Amino acid sequence: KPSSPCGFIIYFSKMDPRWGAKRKGRKRKRHPVRRDSGPDSACSTN
């Protein structure tokens, strides 16, 4: 018989504001945060 759910996932998509800021020539404010030393730790523009 069909069973009750044993798990869920919720997600959403959104335009990245960093991309819009780059197109319009605005600079994004930087805040002091602790970053991981692993690969790709720098923010990208999507």
All heavy atoms as atom14 arrays in JSON, in Angstrom:
{
  "sequence": "KPSSPCGFIIYFSKMDPRWGAKRKGRKRKRHPVRRDSGPDSACSTN",
  "atom14_mask": [
    [1, 1, 1, 1, 1, 1, 1, 1, 1, 0, 0, 0, 0, 0],
    [1, 1, 1, 1, 1, 1, 1, 0, 0, 0, 0, 0, 0, 0],
    [1, 1, 1, 1, 1, 1, 0, 0, 0, 0, 0, 0, 0, 0],
    [1, 1, 1, 1, 1, 1, 0, 0, 0, 0, 0, 0, 0, 0],
    [1, 1, 1, 1, 1, 1, 1, 0, 0, 0, 0, 0, 0, 0],
    [1, 1, 1, 1, 1, 1, 0, 0, 0, 0, 0, 0, 0, 0],
    [1, 1, 1, 1, 0, 0, 0, 0, 0, 0, 0, 0, 0, 0],
    [1, 1, 1, 1, 1, 1, 1, 1, 1, 1, 1, 0, 0, 0],
    [1, 1, 1, 1, 1, 1, 1, 1, 0, 0, 0, 0, 0, 0],
    [1, 1, 1, 1, 1, 1, 1, 1, 0, 0, 0, 0, 0, 0],
    [1, 1, 1, 1, 1, 1, 1, 1, 1, 1, 1, 1, 0, 0],
    [1, 1, 1, 1, 1, 1, 1, 1, 1, 1, 1, 0, 0, 0],
    [1, 1, 1, 1, 1, 1, 0, 0, 0, 0, 0, 0, 0, 0],
    [1, 1, 1, 1, 1, 1, 1, 1, 1, 0, 0, 0, 0, 0],
    [1, 1, 1, 1, 1, 1, 1, 1, 0, 0, 0, 0, 0, 0],
    [1, 1, 1, 1, 1, 1, 1, 1, 0, 0, 0, 0, 0, 0],
    [1, 1, 1, 1, 1, 1, 1, 0, 0, 0, 0, 0, 0, 0],
    [1, 1, 1, 1, 1, 1, 1, 1, 1, 1, 1, 0, 0, 0],
    [1, 1, 1, 1, 1, 1, 1, 1, 1, 1, 1, 1, 1, 1],
    [1, 1, 1, 1, 0, 0, 0, 0, 0, 0, 0, 0, 0, 0],
    [1, 1, 1, 1, 1, 0, 0, 0, 0, 0, 0, 0, 0, 0],
    [1, 1, 1, 1, 1, 1, 1, 1, 1, 0, 0, 0, 0, 0],
    [1, 1, 1, 1, 1, 1, 1, 1, 1, 1, 1, 0, 0, 0],
    [1, 1, 1, 1, 1, 1, 1, 1, 1, 0, 0, 0, 0, 0],
    [1, 1, 1, 1, 0, 0, 0, 0, 0, 0, 0, 0, 0, 0],
    [1, 1, 1, 1, 1, 1, 1, 1, 1, 1, 1, 0, 0, 0],
    [1, 1, 1, 1, 1, 1, 1, 1, 1, 0, 0, 0, 0, 0],
    [1, 1, 1, 1, 1, 1, 1, 1, 1, 1, 1, 0, 0, 0],
    [1, 1, 1, 1, 1, 1, 1, 1, 1, 0, 0, 0, 0, 0],
    [1, 1, 1, 1, 1, 1, 1, 1, 1, 1, 1, 0, 0, 0],
    [1, 1, 1, 1, 1, 1, 1, 1, 1, 1, 0, 0, 0, 0],
    [1, 1, 1, 1, 1, 1, 1, 0, 0, 0, 0, 0, 0, 0],
    [1, 1, 1, 1, 1, 1, 1, 0, 0, 0, 0, 0, 0, 0],
    [1, 1, 1, 1, 1, 1, 1, 1, 1, 1, 1, 0, 0, 0],
    [1, 1, 1, 1, 1, 1, 1, 1, 1, 1, 1, 0, 0, 0],
    [1, 1, 1, 1, 1, 1, 1, 1, 0, 0, 0, 0, 0, 0],
    [1, 1, 1, 1, 1, 1, 0, 0, 0, 0, 0, 0, 0, 0],
    [1, 1, 1, 1, 0, 0, 0, 0, 0, 0, 0, 0, 0, 0],
    [1, 1, 1, 1, 1, 1, 1, 0, 0, 0, 0, 0, 0, 0],
    [1, 1, 1, 1, 1, 1, 1, 1, 0, 0, 0, 0, 0, 0],
    [1, 1, 1, 1, 1, 1, 0, 0, 0, 0, 0, 0, 0, 0],
    [1, 1, 1, 1, 1, 0, 0, 0, 0, 0, 0, 0, 0, 0],
    [1, 1, 1, 1, 1, 1, 0, 0, 0, 0, 0, 0, 0, 0],
    [1, 1, 1, 1, 1, 1, 0, 0, 0, 0, 0, 0, 0, 0],
    [1, 1, 1, 1, 1, 1, 1, 0, 0, 0, 0, 0, 0, 0],
    [1, 1, 1, 1, 1, 1, 1, 1, 0, 0, 0, 0, 0, 0]
  ],
  "atom14_positions": [
    [[0.84, -1.19, 0.0], [0.0, 0.0, 0.0], [0.88, 1.25, 0.0], [1.99, 1.23, 0.53], [-0.91, 0.0, 1.22], [-1.92, -1.12, 1.25], [-2.81, -1.02, 2.47], [-3.84, -2.15, 2.49], [-4.72, -2.07, 3.68], [0.0, 0.0, 0.0], [0.0, 0.0, 0.0], [0.0, 0.0, 0.0], [0.0, 0.0, 0.0], [0.0, 0.0, 0.0]],
    [[0.4, 2.36, -0.59], [1.18, 3.61, -0.57], [1.52, 4.01, 0.86], [0.65, 4.03, 1.73], [0.23, 4.63, -1.22], [-0.69, 3.79, -2.06], [-0.87, 2.5, -1.31], [0.0, 0.0, 0.0], [0.0, 0.0, 0.0], [0.0, 0.0, 0.0], [0.0, 0.0, 0.0], [0.0, 0.0, 0.0], [0.0, 0.0, 0.0], [0.0, 0.0, 0.0]],
    [[2.77, 4.29, 1.12], [3.2, 4.62, 2.47], [3.24, 6.12, 2.68], [3.28, 6.9, 1.73], [4.6, 4.03, 2.74], [5.54, 4.56, 1.82], [0.0, 0.0, 0.0], [0.0, 0.0, 0.0], [0.0, 0.0, 0.0], [0.0, 0.0, 0.0], [0.0, 0.0, 0.0], [0.0, 0.0, 0.0], [0.0, 0.0, 0.0], [0.0, 0.0, 0.0]],
    [[3.24, 6.52, 3.95], [3.38, 7.94, 4.27], [4.8, 8.38, 3.94], [5.75, 7.58, 3.98], [3.08, 8.17, 5.75], [1.77, 7.78, 6.07], [0.0, 0.0, 0.0], [0.0, 0.0, 0.0], [0.0, 0.0, 0.0], [0.0, 0.0, 0.0], [0.0, 0.0, 0.0], [0.0, 0.0, 0.0], [0.0, 0.0, 0.0], [0.0, 0.0, 0.0]],
    [[5.01, 9.65, 3.63], [6.36, 10.13, 3.32], [7.32, 9.88, 4.49], [6.96, 10.02, 5.65], [6.15, 11.63, 3.07], [4.73, 11.74, 2.64], [4.0, 10.71, 3.46], [0.0, 0.0, 0.0], [0.0, 0.0, 0.0], [0.0, 0.0, 0.0], [0.0, 0.0, 0.0], [0.0, 0.0, 0.0], [0.0, 0.0, 0.0], [0.0, 0.0, 0.0]],
    [[8.54, 9.5, 4.14], [9.58, 9.31, 5.16], [10.65, 10.4, 5.02], [11.64, 10.38, 5.75], [10.22, 7.93, 5.03], [10.99, 7.61, 3.43], [0.0, 0.0, 0.0], [0.0, 0.0, 0.0], [0.0, 0.0, 0.0], [0.0, 0.0, 0.0], [0.0, 0.0, 0.0], [0.0, 0.0, 0.0], [0.0, 0.0, 0.0], [0.0, 0.0, 0.0]],
    [[10.44, 11.34, 4.1], [11.39, 12.42, 3.93], [10.84, 13.49, 2.99], [9.94, 13.22, 2.19], [0.0, 0.0, 0.0], [0.0, 0.0, 0.0], [0.0, 0.0, 0.0], [0.0, 0.0, 0.0], [0.0, 0.0, 0.0], [0.0, 0.0, 0.0], [0.0, 0.0, 0.0], [0.0, 0.0, 0.0], [0.0, 0.0, 0.0], [0.0, 0.0, 0.0]],
    [[11.37, 14.7, 3.12], [10.95, 15.82, 2.27], [12.17, 16.66, 1.91], [13.15, 16.71, 2.66], [9.94, 16.72, 2.98], [8.6, 16.1, 3.25], [8.33, 15.54, 4.49], [7.63, 16.07, 2.27], [7.1, 14.97, 4.76], [6.39, 15.49, 2.52], [6.12, 14.94, 3.77], [0.0, 0.0, 0.0], [0.0, 0.0, 0.0], [0.0, 0.0, 0.0]],
    [[12.07, 17.33, 0.79], [13.07, 18.33, 0.42], [12.31, 19.54, -0.12], [11.32, 19.39, -0.85], [14.06, 17.8, -0.63], [15.21, 18.79, -0.84], [13.39, 17.48, -1.95], [16.36, 18.23, -1.67], [0.0, 0.0, 0.0], [0.0, 0.0, 0.0], [0.0, 0.0, 0.0], [0.0, 0.0, 0.0], [0.0, 0.0, 0.0], [0.0, 0.0, 0.0]],
    [[12.72, 20.73, 0.3], [12.13, 21.99, -0.18], [13.26, 22.86, -0.7], [14.26, 23.07, -0.01], [11.36, 22.73, 0.93], [10.22, 21.86, 1.47], [10.8, 24.05, 0.4], [9.43, 22.52, 2.6], [0.0, 0.0, 0.0], [0.0, 0.0, 0.0], [0.0, 0.0, 0.0], [0.0, 0.0, 0.0], [0.0, 0.0, 0.0], [0.0, 0.0, 0.0]],
    [[13.11, 23.37, -1.9], [14.12, 24.25, -2.48], [13.45, 25.3, -3.36], [12.27, 25.18, -3.7], [15.14, 23.44, -3.29], [14.58, 22.72, -4.51], [14.59, 23.33, -5.77], [14.05, 21.44, -4.41], [14.1, 22.67, -6.88], [13.54, 20.78, -5.52], [13.57, 21.4, -6.75], [13.07, 20.75, -7.86], [0.0, 0.0, 0.0], [0.0, 0.0, 0.0]],
    [[14.21, 26.34, -3.69], [13.67, 27.38, -4.57], [14.8, 27.96, -5.41], [15.98, 27.86, -5.07], [12.97, 28.49, -3.77], [13.87, 29.22, -2.8], [14.57, 30.35, -3.19], [14.0, 28.78, -1.5], [15.39, 31.02, -2.3], [14.81, 29.45, -0.59], [15.51, 30.58, -1.0], [0.0, 0.0, 0.0], [0.0, 0.0, 0.0], [0.0, 0.0, 0.0]],
    [[14.42, 28.58, -6.51], [15.39, 29.23, -7.39], [15.22, 30.73, -7.33], [14.12, 31.23, -7.07], [15.21, 28.75, -8.84], [13.91, 29.04, -9.3], [0.0, 0.0, 0.0], [0.0, 0.0, 0.0], [0.0, 0.0, 0.0], [0.0, 0.0, 0.0], [0.0, 0.0, 0.0], [0.0, 0.0, 0.0], [0.0, 0.0, 0.0], [0.0, 0.0, 0.0]],
    [[16.32, 31.44, -7.55], [16.27, 32.89, -7.45], [17.4, 33.5, -8.26], [18.47, 32.9, -8.41], [16.4, 33.31, -5.98], [16.04, 34.75, -5.68], [16.01, 34.99, -4.18], [15.57, 36.4, -3.84], [15.52, 36.63, -2.37], [0.0, 0.0, 0.0], [0.0, 0.0, 0.0], [0.0, 0.0, 0.0], [0.0, 0.0, 0.0], [0.0, 0.0, 0.0]],
    [[17.16, 34.73, -8.78], [18.24, 35.43, -9.46], [19.25, 35.92, -8.43], [18.87, 36.41, -7.37], [17.71, 36.62, -10.27], [18.81, 37.4, -10.99], [18.17, 38.68, -12.09], [17.59, 37.67, -13.44], [0.0, 0.0, 0.0], [0.0, 0.0, 0.0], [0.0, 0.0, 0.0], [0.0, 0.0, 0.0], [0.0, 0.0, 0.0], [0.0, 0.0, 0.0]],
    [[20.51, 35.77, -8.73], [21.56, 36.18, -7.81], [21.75, 37.69, -7.88], [22.09, 38.22, -8.92], [22.87, 35.47, -8.18], [23.92, 35.61, -7.1], [23.93, 36.64, -6.41], [24.73, 34.68, -6.96], [0.0, 0.0, 0.0], [0.0, 0.0, 0.0], [0.0, 0.0, 0.0], [0.0, 0.0, 0.0], [0.0, 0.0, 0.0], [0.0, 0.0, 0.0]],
    [[21.53, 38.42, -6.77], [21.67, 39.89, -6.79], [23.08, 40.34, -7.1], [23.29, 41.45, -7.59], [21.24, 40.3, -5.38], [21.47, 39.09, -4.54], [21.15, 37.92, -5.45], [0.0, 0.0, 0.0], [0.0, 0.0, 0.0], [0.0, 0.0, 0.0], [0.0, 0.0, 0.0], [0.0, 0.0, 0.0], [0.0, 0.0, 0.0], [0.0, 0.0, 0.0]],
    [[24.07, 39.47, -6.86], [25.45, 39.86, -7.16], [25.65, 40.02, -8.66], [26.4, 40.86, -9.12], [26.42, 38.8, -6.61], [26.41, 38.68, -5.11], [27.22, 37.51, -4.65], [26.71, 36.26, -5.19], [27.26, 35.07, -4.93], [28.31, 34.99, -4.16], [26.74, 33.97, -5.44], [0.0, 0.0, 0.0], [0.0, 0.0, 0.0], [0.0, 0.0, 0.0]],
    [[24.91, 39.21, -9.43], [25.01, 39.3, -10.88], [24.43, 40.62, -11.37], [24.99, 41.31, -12.19], [24.27, 38.13, -11.5], [24.3, 38.11, -13.0], [25.33, 37.74, -13.81], [23.23, 38.46, -13.88], [24.97, 37.84, -15.12], [23.68, 38.28, -15.19], [21.93, 38.92, -13.67], [22.88, 38.53, -16.3], [21.13, 39.17, -14.78], [21.62, 38.97, -16.07]],
    [[23.25, 41.0, -10.81], [22.64, 42.27, -11.19], [23.51, 43.44, -10.82], [23.65, 44.41, -11.57], [0.0, 0.0, 0.0], [0.0, 0.0, 0.0], [0.0, 0.0, 0.0], [0.0, 0.0, 0.0], [0.0, 0.0, 0.0], [0.0, 0.0, 0.0], [0.0, 0.0, 0.0], [0.0, 0.0, 0.0], [0.0, 0.0, 0.0], [0.0, 0.0, 0.0]],
    [[24.14, 43.38, -9.66], [25.0, 44.48, -9.22], [26.2, 44.62, -10.15], [26.63, 45.72, -10.46], [25.48, 44.22, -7.79], [0.0, 0.0, 0.0], [0.0, 0.0, 0.0], [0.0, 0.0, 0.0], [0.0, 0.0, 0.0], [0.0, 0.0, 0.0], [0.0, 0.0, 0.0], [0.0, 0.0, 0.0], [0.0, 0.0, 0.0], [0.0, 0.0, 0.0]],
    [[26.72, 43.5, -10.61], [27.87, 43.56, -11.51], [27.49, 44.21, -12.84], [28.22, 45.03, -13.38], [28.41, 42.15, -11.76], [29.67, 42.13, -12.6], [30.17, 40.7, -12.76], [31.43, 40.69, -13.63], [31.92, 39.31, -13.85], [0.0, 0.0, 0.0], [0.0, 0.0, 0.0], [0.0, 0.0, 0.0], [0.0, 0.0, 0.0], [0.0, 0.0, 0.0]],
    [[26.31, 43.88, -13.36], [25.88, 44.44, -14.63], [25.68, 45.94, -14.54], [25.96, 46.67, -15.48], [24.57, 43.78, -15.08], [24.73, 42.33, -15.5], [23.47, 41.83, -16.15], [23.25, 42.51, -17.42], [22.14, 42.35, -18.15], [21.17, 41.59, -17.72], [21.99, 43.01, -19.27], [0.0, 0.0, 0.0], [0.0, 0.0, 0.0], [0.0, 0.0, 0.0]],
    [[25.18, 46.41, -13.4], [24.91, 47.83, -13.25], [26.09, 48.61, -12.72], [26.0, 49.81, -12.48], [23.7, 48.02, -12.32], [22.41, 47.42, -12.9], [21.26, 47.6, -11.93], [19.98, 46.98, -12.51], [18.85, 47.14, -11.58], [0.0, 0.0, 0.0], [0.0, 0.0, 0.0], [0.0, 0.0, 0.0], [0.0, 0.0, 0.0], [0.0, 0.0, 0.0]],
    [[27.21, 47.93, -12.52], [28.42, 48.61, -12.1], [28.5, 48.95, -10.64], [29.34, 49.73, -10.21], [0.0, 0.0, 0.0], [0.0, 0.0, 0.0], [0.0, 0.0, 0.0], [0.0, 0.0, 0.0], [0.0, 0.0, 0.0], [0.0, 0.0, 0.0], [0.0, 0.0, 0.0], [0.0, 0.0, 0.0], [0.0, 0.0, 0.0], [0.0, 0.0, 0.0]],
    [[27.59, 48.34, -9.82], [27.62, 48.63, -8.4], [28.58, 47.69, -7.71], [28.75, 46.55, -8.11], [26.22, 48.46, -7.79], [25.19, 49.41, -8.37], [23.97, 49.43, -7.46], [23.38, 48.11, -7.34], [22.41, 47.66, -8.12], [21.94, 48.43, -9.09], [21.91, 46.47, -7.95], [0.0, 0.0, 0.0], [0.0, 0.0, 0.0], [0.0, 0.0, 0.0]],
    [[29.18, 48.18, -6.65], [30.08, 47.35, -5.88], [29.31, 46.71, -4.73], [28.52, 47.35, -4.07], [31.24, 48.18, -5.31], [32.2, 48.67, -6.39], [33.37, 49.4, -5.74], [34.37, 49.84, -6.81], [35.53, 50.54, -6.19], [0.0, 0.0, 0.0], [0.0, 0.0, 0.0], [0.0, 0.0, 0.0], [0.0, 0.0, 0.0], [0.0, 0.0, 0.0]],
    [[29.58, 45.44, -4.51], [28.92, 44.73, -3.43], [29.67, 44.95, -2.13], [30.89, 44.87, -2.09], [28.88, 43.23, -3.74], [28.15, 42.4, -2.73], [27.93, 40.98, -3.25], [29.2, 40.38, -3.61], [29.94, 39.68, -2.77], [29.55, 39.54, -1.52], [31.08, 39.13, -3.15], [0.0, 0.0, 0.0], [0.0, 0.0, 0.0], [0.0, 0.0, 0.0]],
    [[28.94, 45.25, -1.06], [29.58, 45.45, 0.23], [30.19, 44.15, 0.72], [29.64, 43.09, 0.53], [28.56, 45.95, 1.26], [28.06, 47.35, 0.99], [27.12, 47.78, 2.09], [26.62, 49.22, 1.86], [25.7, 49.63, 2.94], [0.0, 0.0, 0.0], [0.0, 0.0, 0.0], [0.0, 0.0, 0.0], [0.0, 0.0, 0.0], [0.0, 0.0, 0.0]],
    [[31.33, 44.26, 1.35], [31.99, 43.09, 1.9], [31.88, 43.11, 3.41], [32.07, 44.14, 4.04], [33.46, 43.03, 1.47], [33.62, 42.87, -0.03], [35.09, 42.67, -0.4], [35.25, 42.45, -1.81], [35.13, 41.27, -2.42], [34.85, 40.21, -1.68], [35.3, 41.13, -3.71], [0.0, 0.0, 0.0], [0.0, 0.0, 0.0], [0.0, 0.0, 0.0]],
    [[31.58, 41.97, 3.99], [31.45, 41.87, 5.43], [32.49, 40.89, 5.95], [32.8, 39.9, 5.29], [30.05, 41.37, 5.81], [28.97, 42.26, 5.3], [28.63, 43.44, 5.91], [28.16, 42.16, 4.21], [27.64, 44.02, 5.24], [27.34, 43.26, 4.21], [0.0, 0.0, 0.0], [0.0, 0.0, 0.0], [0.0, 0.0, 0.0], [0.0, 0.0, 0.0]],
    [[33.04, 41.14, 7.14], [34.04, 40.23, 7.69], [33.41, 38.89, 8.06], [32.5, 38.83, 8.88], [34.55, 40.96, 8.93], [33.42, 41.85, 9.32], [32.77, 42.28, 8.03], [0.0, 0.0, 0.0], [0.0, 0.0, 0.0], [0.0, 0.0, 0.0], [0.0, 0.0, 0.0], [0.0, 0.0, 0.0], [0.0, 0.0, 0.0], [0.0, 0.0, 0.0]],
    [[33.85, 37.83, 7.42], [33.35, 36.48, 7.7], [34.53, 35.53, 7.68], [35.58, 35.82, 7.11], [32.31, 36.02, 6.65], [31.05, 36.84, 6.74], [32.9, 36.1, 5.24], [0.0, 0.0, 0.0], [0.0, 0.0, 0.0], [0.0, 0.0, 0.0], [0.0, 0.0, 0.0], [0.0, 0.0, 0.0], [0.0, 0.0, 0.0], [0.0, 0.0, 0.0]],
    [[34.34, 34.39, 8.31], [35.36, 33.36, 8.3], [35.1, 32.45, 7.12], [34.02, 31.9, 6.97], [35.29, 32.56, 9.6], [36.33, 31.45, 9.67], [36.19, 30.71, 10.99], [36.2, 29.28, 10.79], [35.72, 28.41, 11.66], [35.17, 28.86, 12.77], [35.77, 27.13, 11.44], [0.0, 0.0, 0.0], [0.0, 0.0, 0.0], [0.0, 0.0, 0.0]],
    [[36.08, 32.31, 6.24], [35.91, 31.48, 5.05], [36.67, 30.18, 5.19], [37.72, 30.13, 5.79], [36.39, 32.22, 3.79], [35.54, 33.44, 3.47], [35.84, 33.96, 2.08], [35.02, 35.1, 1.78], [33.76, 35.04, 1.39], [33.19, 33.87, 1.26], [33.07, 36.13, 1.14], [0.0, 0.0, 0.0], [0.0, 0.0, 0.0], [0.0, 0.0, 0.0]],
    [[36.11, 29.15, 4.6], [36.8, 27.88, 4.58], [37.99, 27.97, 3.64], [37.97, 28.72, 2.66], [35.84, 26.78, 4.09], [36.47, 25.41, 4.16], [36.68, 24.91, 5.28], [36.76, 24.87, 3.1], [0.0, 0.0, 0.0], [0.0, 0.0, 0.0], [0.0, 0.0, 0.0], [0.0, 0.0, 0.0], [0.0, 0.0, 0.0], [0.0, 0.0, 0.0]],
    [[39.03, 27.22, 3.93], [40.24, 27.29, 3.11], [40.19, 26.35, 1.92], [41.17, 26.24, 1.18], [41.46, 26.95, 3.98], [41.32, 25.67, 4.55], [0.0, 0.0, 0.0], [0.0, 0.0, 0.0], [0.0, 0.0, 0.0], [0.0, 0.0, 0.0], [0.0, 0.0, 0.0], [0.0, 0.0, 0.0], [0.0, 0.0, 0.0], [0.0, 0.0, 0.0]],
    [[39.08, 25.67, 1.73], [38.97, 24.7, 0.64], [38.83, 25.39, -0.71], [38.76, 26.62, -0.81], [0.0, 0.0, 0.0], [0.0, 0.0, 0.0], [0.0, 0.0, 0.0], [0.0, 0.0, 0.0], [0.0, 0.0, 0.0], [0.0, 0.0, 0.0], [0.0, 0.0, 0.0], [0.0, 0.0, 0.0], [0.0, 0.0, 0.0], [0.0, 0.0, 0.0]],
    [[38.78, 24.61, -1.79], [38.66, 25.16, -3.13], [37.35, 25.89, -3.34], [36.35, 25.57, -2.71], [38.76, 23.92, -4.04], [38.26, 22.81, -3.16], [38.75, 23.15, -1.79], [0.0, 0.0, 0.0], [0.0, 0.0, 0.0], [0.0, 0.0, 0.0], [0.0, 0.0, 0.0], [0.0, 0.0, 0.0], [0.0, 0.0, 0.0], [0.0, 0.0, 0.0]],
    [[37.37, 26.86, -4.23], [36.16, 27.61, -4.6], [35.54, 28.34, -3.43], [34.33, 28.57, -3.4], [35.1, 26.67, -5.2], [35.61, 25.93, -6.42], [36.21, 26.57, -7.29], [35.41, 24.72, -6.48], [0.0, 0.0, 0.0], [0.0, 0.0, 0.0], [0.0, 0.0, 0.0], [0.0, 0.0, 0.0], [0.0, 0.0, 0.0], [0.0, 0.0, 0.0]],
    [[36.33, 28.72, -2.45], [35.75, 29.41, -1.29], [35.37, 30.84, -1.61], [34.56, 31.44, -0.92], [36.75, 29.4, -0.13], [37.95, 30.05, -0.49], [0.0, 0.0, 0.0], [0.0, 0.0, 0.0], [0.0, 0.0, 0.0], [0.0, 0.0, 0.0], [0.0, 0.0, 0.0], [0.0, 0.0, 0.0], [0.0, 0.0, 0.0], [0.0, 0.0, 0.0]],
    [[35.92, 31.44, -2.66], [35.57, 32.79, -3.03], [34.21, 32.81, -3.71], [33.83, 31.87, -4.39], [36.62, 33.37, -3.98], [0.0, 0.0, 0.0], [0.0, 0.0, 0.0], [0.0, 0.0, 0.0], [0.0, 0.0, 0.0], [0.0, 0.0, 0.0], [0.0, 0.0, 0.0], [0.0, 0.0, 0.0], [0.0, 0.0, 0.0], [0.0, 0.0, 0.0]],
    [[33.45, 33.89, -3.51], [32.14, 34.0, -4.12], [32.26, 34.15, -5.63], [33.17, 34.79, -6.13], [31.38, 35.21, -3.55], [30.83, 34.97, -1.86], [0.0, 0.0, 0.0], [0.0, 0.0, 0.0], [0.0, 0.0, 0.0], [0.0, 0.0, 0.0], [0.0, 0.0, 0.0], [0.0, 0.0, 0.0], [0.0, 0.0, 0.0], [0.0, 0.0, 0.0]],
    [[31.35, 33.55, -6.35], [31.32, 33.7, -7.79], [30.15, 34.58, -8.16], [29.32, 34.92, -7.33], [31.16, 32.32, -8.45], [29.99, 31.69, -7.96], [0.0, 0.0, 0.0], [0.0, 0.0, 0.0], [0.0, 0.0, 0.0], [0.0, 0.0, 0.0], [0.0, 0.0, 0.0], [0.0, 0.0, 0.0], [0.0, 0.0, 0.0], [0.0, 0.0, 0.0]],
    [[30.06, 34.98, -9.41], [28.95, 35.8, -9.87], [28.09, 34.95, -10.79], [28.53, 34.57, -11.87], [29.45, 37.05, -10.61], [30.34, 36.65, -11.65], [30.17, 37.98, -9.66], [0.0, 0.0, 0.0], [0.0, 0.0, 0.0], [0.0, 0.0, 0.0], [0.0, 0.0, 0.0], [0.0, 0.0, 0.0], [0.0, 0.0, 0.0], [0.0, 0.0, 0.0]],
    [[26.89, 34.62, -10.34], [25.99, 33.77, -11.09], [24.73, 34.55, -11.44], [24.38, 35.5, -10.76], [25.6, 32.55, -10.25], [26.81, 31.86, -9.67], [27.75, 31.59, -10.37], [26.78, 31.6, -8.37], [0.0, 0.0, 0.0], [0.0, 0.0, 0.0], [0.0, 0.0, 0.0], [0.0, 0.0, 0.0], [0.0, 0.0, 0.0], [0.0, 0.0, 0.0]]
  ]
}
